[in-house]
Amino acid sequence: MKKNMGGLDRGLRVLAAVAIAVLYYTGVLSGTLAIILLVLASVFILTSFISFCPLYYPFKINTRNDDVSSK
């Protein structure tokens, strides 16, 4: 698994997951939609921690900055 997610991408996913969790626990989201969004938030957190998005792979999307000249 080659990492394909940059820092901004990962941060936005974590932020979205936290927002979904807050909306759920405050009672704004409920029912089937809440369950679907909580599963999506879990996927966001998981992909953020491993820096790999399986949906990016077939489309060859890479938001990670691999500029080796800046090191």
Protein backbone atom coordinates (compact mmCIF):
# COMPACT_ATOMS: atom_id res chain seq x y z
CA MET A 1 0.00 0.00 0.00
CA LYS A 2 1.66 3.20 -1.17
CA LYS A 3 0.50 6.30 0.68
CA ASN A 4 -1.61 8.55 -1.53
CA MET A 5 -3.10 11.12 0.85
CA GLY A 6 -1.59 14.46 1.75
CA GLY A 7 -1.83 16.32 5.05
CA LEU A 8 -4.65 18.64 4.00
CA ASP A 9 -6.70 15.73 2.68
CA ARG A 10 -6.20 13.79 5.91
CA GLY A 11 -7.02 16.81 8.07
CA LEU A 12 -10.24 17.54 6.20
CA ARG A 13 -11.34 13.92 6.55
CA VAL A 14 -10.73 13.97 10.31
CA LEU A 15 -12.58 17.28 10.59
CA ALA A 16 -15.56 15.89 8.65
CA ALA A 17 -15.60 12.75 10.82
CA VAL A 18 -15.58 14.83 14.01
CA ALA A 19 -18.38 17.02 12.66
CA ILE A 20 -20.50 13.96 11.85
CA ALA A 21 -19.86 12.50 15.31
CA VAL A 22 -20.82 15.77 17.01
CA LEU A 23 -24.02 16.03 14.97
CA TYR A 24 -24.90 12.45 15.89
CA TYR A 25 -24.23 12.79 19.60
CA THR A 26 -26.13 16.09 19.84
CA GLY A 27 -29.16 14.44 18.25
CA VAL A 28 -29.16 16.41 15.00
CA LEU A 29 -28.61 13.22 12.99
CA SER A 30 -30.68 10.12 13.63
CA GLY A 31 -32.00 7.03 11.93
CA THR A 32 -30.56 5.32 8.89
CA LEU A 33 -28.83 8.46 7.63
CA ALA A 34 -26.95 8.74 10.93
CA ILE A 35 -25.74 5.15 10.72
CA ILE A 36 -24.57 5.60 7.13
CA LEU A 37 -22.73 8.81 8.01
CA LEU A 38 -21.12 7.23 11.07
CA VAL A 39 -19.80 4.39 8.91
CA LEU A 40 -18.47 6.98 6.46
CA ALA A 41 -16.85 8.90 9.34
CA SER A 42 -15.19 5.67 10.49
CA VAL A 43 -13.79 5.13 7.00
CA PHE A 44 -12.53 8.73 6.96
CA ILE A 45 -10.71 8.21 10.26
CA LEU A 46 -9.21 4.89 9.18
CA THR A 47 -7.99 6.18 5.82
CA SER A 48 -6.57 9.29 7.47
CA PHE A 49 -4.49 7.26 9.91
CA ILE A 50 -3.06 4.96 7.25
CA SER A 51 -2.71 7.76 4.63
CA PHE A 52 -4.16 5.53 1.93
CA CYS A 53 -7.50 5.87 0.17
CA PRO A 54 -8.52 2.80 -1.82
CA LEU A 55 -10.84 4.89 -4.02
CA TYR A 56 -7.93 7.05 -5.14
CA TYR A 57 -5.93 4.05 -6.38
CA PRO A 58 -7.93 3.09 -9.52
CA PHE A 59 -8.12 6.74 -10.58
CA LYS A 60 -4.42 7.30 -9.86
CA ILE A 61 -5.17 10.26 -7.58
CA ASN A 62 -2.37 11.29 -5.24
CA THR A 63 -2.76 14.29 -2.93
CA ARG A 64 0.51 13.56 -1.16
CA ASN A 65 3.38 15.92 -1.87
CA ASP A 66 6.35 13.67 -2.67
CA ASP A 67 8.74 16.48 -3.56
CA VAL A 68 12.13 15.04 -2.58
CA SER A 69 14.01 18.21 -3.48
CA SER A 70 12.62 19.98 -0.40
CA LYS A 71 14.14 17.44 2.02
